[in-house]
Amino acid sequence: MASNFTAFELRAHTFSAFIDVLTPNTYILVVMPANAAEPATTLMNIAVARKHFEKLELVDRGSGGRERERERERERERERGMLNGHH
């Protein structure tokens, strides 16, 4: 089920909180003392982080499948070693 949630900003007397989409699969929550930074600055930093994490997800999709398969093979080798009495 897809979500239509985009962002949430709360400014209280003692703190500010921001929830925003970071990647298609994750959200970010930033909580900081009131007046620690301008809201626009915080939102700009989230946008910069979003670009970075989107790149990381692309890299993970490209190489992640191969790395996960290598990890599964290492796990199978460890299990075979334990079954054969090797530790």
N, C-alpha and C. Protein backbone atom coordinates (compact mmCIF):
# COMPACT_ATOMS: atom_id res chain seq x y z
N MET A 1 0.85 -1.16 0.00
CA MET A 1 0.00 0.00 0.00
C MET A 1 0.90 1.24 0.00
N ALA A 2 0.69 2.12 -0.92
CA ALA A 2 1.49 3.34 -1.03
C ALA A 2 0.99 4.39 -0.04
N SER A 3 1.90 5.20 0.42
CA SER A 3 1.56 6.26 1.35
C SER A 3 1.62 7.60 0.64
N ASN A 4 0.74 8.51 1.02
CA ASN A 4 0.75 9.85 0.47
C ASN A 4 1.44 10.84 1.39
N PHE A 5 2.01 10.36 2.48
CA PHE A 5 2.67 11.22 3.44
C PHE A 5 3.89 11.87 2.79
N THR A 6 4.05 13.18 3.00
CA THR A 6 5.23 13.84 2.43
C THR A 6 6.13 14.41 3.51
N ALA A 7 5.60 15.24 4.41
CA ALA A 7 6.46 15.85 5.42
C ALA A 7 5.62 16.37 6.57
N PHE A 8 6.30 16.55 7.72
CA PHE A 8 5.65 17.08 8.92
C PHE A 8 6.65 17.95 9.65
N GLU A 9 6.20 19.10 10.08
CA GLU A 9 7.08 20.01 10.83
C GLU A 9 6.33 20.49 12.07
N LEU A 10 7.01 20.44 13.22
CA LEU A 10 6.42 20.87 14.49
C LEU A 10 7.40 21.80 15.17
N ARG A 11 6.92 22.96 15.53
CA ARG A 11 7.77 23.89 16.29
C ARG A 11 7.08 24.15 17.62
N ALA A 12 7.74 23.78 18.68
CA ALA A 12 7.23 23.98 20.03
C ALA A 12 8.15 24.98 20.74
N HIS A 13 7.80 25.29 21.96
CA HIS A 13 8.56 26.27 22.73
C HIS A 13 10.00 25.82 22.97
N THR A 14 10.19 24.52 23.20
CA THR A 14 11.53 24.04 23.56
C THR A 14 12.23 23.23 22.48
N PHE A 15 11.53 22.86 21.41
CA PHE A 15 12.16 22.05 20.36
C PHE A 15 11.43 22.23 19.03
N SER A 16 12.11 21.78 17.98
CA SER A 16 11.52 21.68 16.65
C SER A 16 11.70 20.25 16.18
N ALA A 17 10.73 19.75 15.45
CA ALA A 17 10.81 18.39 14.92
C ALA A 17 10.39 18.40 13.45
N PHE A 18 11.08 17.60 12.67
CA PHE A 18 10.80 17.49 11.25
C PHE A 18 10.77 16.01 10.89
N ILE A 19 9.75 15.59 10.19
CA ILE A 19 9.70 14.24 9.60
C ILE A 19 9.57 14.46 8.11
N ASP A 20 10.41 13.77 7.34
CA ASP A 20 10.37 13.94 5.89
C ASP A 20 10.74 12.63 5.22
N VAL A 21 10.38 12.49 3.97
CA VAL A 21 10.77 11.33 3.19
C VAL A 21 12.26 11.44 2.90
N LEU A 22 13.00 10.39 3.18
CA LEU A 22 14.43 10.38 2.89
C LEU A 22 14.69 9.64 1.58
N THR A 23 14.15 8.43 1.47
CA THR A 23 14.22 7.64 0.24
C THR A 23 12.84 7.04 0.04
N PRO A 24 12.60 6.37 -1.07
CA PRO A 24 11.29 5.72 -1.24
C PRO A 24 10.96 4.71 -0.14
N ASN A 25 11.99 4.25 0.59
CA ASN A 25 11.77 3.23 1.63
C ASN A 25 11.97 3.73 3.05
N THR A 26 12.40 4.96 3.23
CA THR A 26 12.72 5.44 4.57
C THR A 26 12.26 6.88 4.79
N TYR A 27 12.11 7.20 6.06
CA TYR A 27 11.80 8.56 6.49
C TYR A 27 12.91 9.02 7.43
N ILE A 28 13.02 10.32 7.60
CA ILE A 28 13.99 10.87 8.55
C ILE A 28 13.24 11.70 9.58
N LEU A 29 13.68 11.60 10.83
CA LEU A 29 13.14 12.39 11.93
C LEU A 29 14.29 13.20 12.49
N VAL A 30 14.14 14.52 12.50
CA VAL A 30 15.14 15.41 13.08
C VAL A 30 14.47 16.16 14.22
N VAL A 31 15.04 16.05 15.41
CA VAL A 31 14.55 16.77 16.58
C VAL A 31 15.72 17.58 17.12
N MET A 32 15.47 18.87 17.36
CA MET A 32 16.55 19.72 17.86
C MET A 32 15.98 20.82 18.74
N PRO A 33 16.84 21.42 19.55
CA PRO A 33 16.37 22.49 20.43
C PRO A 33 15.75 23.64 19.62
N ALA A 34 14.80 24.29 20.21
CA ALA A 34 14.16 25.42 19.55
C ALA A 34 15.22 26.46 19.20
N ASN A 35 15.07 27.06 18.05
CA ASN A 35 15.96 28.12 17.57
C ASN A 35 17.40 27.67 17.35
N ALA A 36 17.66 26.37 17.27
CA ALA A 36 19.02 25.89 17.01
C ALA A 36 19.43 26.19 15.57
N ALA A 37 18.48 26.20 14.67
CA ALA A 37 18.74 26.50 13.26
C ALA A 37 17.43 26.94 12.62
N GLU A 38 17.54 27.66 11.54
CA GLU A 38 16.35 28.06 10.81
C GLU A 38 15.70 26.82 10.18
N PRO A 39 14.38 26.75 10.18
CA PRO A 39 13.72 25.59 9.56
C PRO A 39 14.15 25.37 8.11
N ALA A 40 14.34 26.45 7.36
CA ALA A 40 14.76 26.30 5.96
C ALA A 40 16.12 25.62 5.87
N THR A 41 17.00 25.92 6.80
CA THR A 41 18.33 25.29 6.81
C THR A 41 18.20 23.80 7.08
N THR A 42 17.36 23.44 8.03
CA THR A 42 17.16 22.02 8.35
C THR A 42 16.58 21.30 7.15
N LEU A 43 15.58 21.88 6.51
CA LEU A 43 14.97 21.24 5.34
C LEU A 43 15.95 21.13 4.18
N MET A 44 16.82 22.12 4.02
CA MET A 44 17.84 22.06 2.99
C MET A 44 18.81 20.92 3.28
N ASN A 45 19.21 20.76 4.54
CA ASN A 45 20.12 19.67 4.92
C ASN A 45 19.47 18.30 4.68
N ILE A 46 18.18 18.20 4.95
CA ILE A 46 17.47 16.94 4.67
C ILE A 46 17.48 16.67 3.17
N ALA A 47 17.28 17.70 2.35
CA ALA A 47 17.30 17.53 0.89
C ALA A 47 18.67 17.06 0.42
N VAL A 48 19.73 17.61 0.99
CA VAL A 48 21.09 17.19 0.63
C VAL A 48 21.30 15.73 1.05
N ALA A 49 20.86 15.38 2.24
CA ALA A 49 20.99 13.99 2.71
C ALA A 49 20.19 13.05 1.81
N ARG A 50 19.01 13.49 1.39
CA ARG A 50 18.16 12.67 0.53
C ARG A 50 18.92 12.28 -0.75
N LYS A 51 19.57 13.24 -1.39
CA LYS A 51 20.32 12.95 -2.61
C LYS A 51 21.42 11.92 -2.34
N HIS A 52 22.11 12.07 -1.22
CA HIS A 52 23.18 11.13 -0.86
C HIS A 52 22.61 9.72 -0.66
N PHE A 53 21.53 9.60 0.10
CA PHE A 53 20.97 8.28 0.39
C PHE A 53 20.33 7.64 -0.84
N GLU A 54 19.80 8.45 -1.75
CA GLU A 54 19.29 7.90 -3.00
C GLU A 54 20.42 7.27 -3.80
N LYS A 55 21.58 7.92 -3.82
CA LYS A 55 22.75 7.35 -4.50
C LYS A 55 23.16 6.04 -3.83
N LEU A 56 23.15 6.01 -2.50
CA LEU A 56 23.52 4.78 -1.79
C LEU A 56 22.57 3.64 -2.14
N GLU A 57 21.28 3.94 -2.24
CA GLU A 57 20.32 2.89 -2.59
C GLU A 57 20.58 2.37 -4.00
N LEU A 58 20.94 3.25 -4.93
CA LEU A 58 21.24 2.80 -6.29
C LEU A 58 22.46 1.89 -6.30
N VAL A 59 23.49 2.24 -5.54
CA VAL A 59 24.68 1.41 -5.45
C VAL A 59 24.32 0.06 -4.82
N ASP A 60 23.50 0.09 -3.77
CA ASP A 60 23.10 -1.15 -3.10
C ASP A 60 22.32 -2.05 -4.04
N ARG A 61 21.43 -1.47 -4.83
CA ARG A 61 20.67 -2.29 -5.78
C ARG A 61 21.58 -2.89 -6.83
N GLY A 62 22.61 -2.14 -7.22
CA GLY A 62 23.52 -2.63 -8.25
C GLY A 62 24.44 -3.72 -7.77
N SER A 63 24.97 -3.60 -6.57
CA SER A 63 25.94 -4.58 -6.06
C SER A 63 25.39 -5.40 -4.91
N GLY A 64 24.30 -4.95 -4.34
CA GLY A 64 23.77 -5.62 -3.16
C GLY A 64 23.37 -7.05 -3.39
N GLY A 65 22.81 -7.34 -4.56
CA GLY A 65 22.40 -8.70 -4.84
C GLY A 65 23.59 -9.64 -4.85
N ARG A 66 24.67 -9.20 -5.48
CA ARG A 66 25.88 -10.04 -5.52
C ARG A 66 26.47 -10.21 -4.14
N GLU A 67 26.51 -9.12 -3.36
CA GLU A 67 27.08 -9.19 -2.01
C GLU A 67 26.23 -10.09 -1.11
N ARG A 68 24.91 -9.99 -1.22
CA ARG A 68 24.04 -10.86 -0.41
C ARG A 68 24.25 -12.32 -0.78
N GLU A 69 24.43 -12.60 -2.07
CA GLU A 69 24.67 -13.98 -2.49
C GLU A 69 26.00 -14.49 -1.95
N ARG A 70 27.05 -13.65 -1.96
CA ARG A 70 28.34 -14.06 -1.39
C ARG A 70 28.20 -14.33 0.10
N GLU A 71 27.44 -13.50 0.81
CA GLU A 71 27.25 -13.71 2.25
C GLU A 71 26.49 -15.01 2.51
N ARG A 72 25.49 -15.31 1.69
CA ARG A 72 24.75 -16.58 1.85
C ARG A 72 25.69 -17.77 1.62
N GLU A 73 26.58 -17.66 0.63
CA GLU A 73 27.53 -18.74 0.36
C GLU A 73 28.49 -18.91 1.53
N ARG A 74 28.98 -17.81 2.11
CA ARG A 74 29.85 -17.91 3.29
C ARG A 74 29.12 -18.57 4.45
N GLU A 75 27.86 -18.22 4.63
CA GLU A 75 27.07 -18.83 5.71
C GLU A 75 26.90 -20.33 5.48
N ARG A 76 26.63 -20.72 4.24
CA ARG A 76 26.52 -22.16 3.93
C ARG A 76 27.83 -22.89 4.21
N GLU A 77 28.96 -22.25 3.87
CA GLU A 77 30.26 -22.85 4.14
C GLU A 77 30.49 -23.01 5.64
N ARG A 78 30.11 -22.00 6.42
CA ARG A 78 30.25 -22.10 7.89
C ARG A 78 29.39 -23.24 8.43
N GLU A 79 28.16 -23.35 7.92
CA GLU A 79 27.28 -24.42 8.38
C GLU A 79 27.84 -25.79 8.01
N ARG A 80 28.38 -25.94 6.80
CA ARG A 80 28.98 -27.22 6.40
C ARG A 80 30.15 -27.57 7.32
N GLY A 81 30.95 -26.56 7.66
CA GLY A 81 32.09 -26.79 8.54
C GLY A 81 31.65 -27.25 9.92
N MET A 82 30.57 -26.66 10.44
CA MET A 82 30.06 -27.06 11.75
C MET A 82 29.49 -28.46 11.72
N LEU A 83 28.81 -28.81 10.62
CA LEU A 83 28.26 -30.15 10.52
C LEU A 83 29.34 -31.22 10.42
N ASN A 84 30.47 -30.84 9.81
CA ASN A 84 31.58 -31.79 9.68
C ASN A 84 32.51 -31.79 10.89
N GLY A 85 32.16 -31.04 11.92
CA GLY A 85 32.96 -31.04 13.14
C GLY A 85 34.07 -30.03 13.14
N HIS A 86 34.14 -29.16 12.15
CA HIS A 86 35.16 -28.11 12.12
C HIS A 86 34.60 -26.83 12.71
N HIS A 87 35.40 -26.15 13.51
CA HIS A 87 34.94 -24.89 14.14
C HIS A 87 35.89 -23.79 13.82
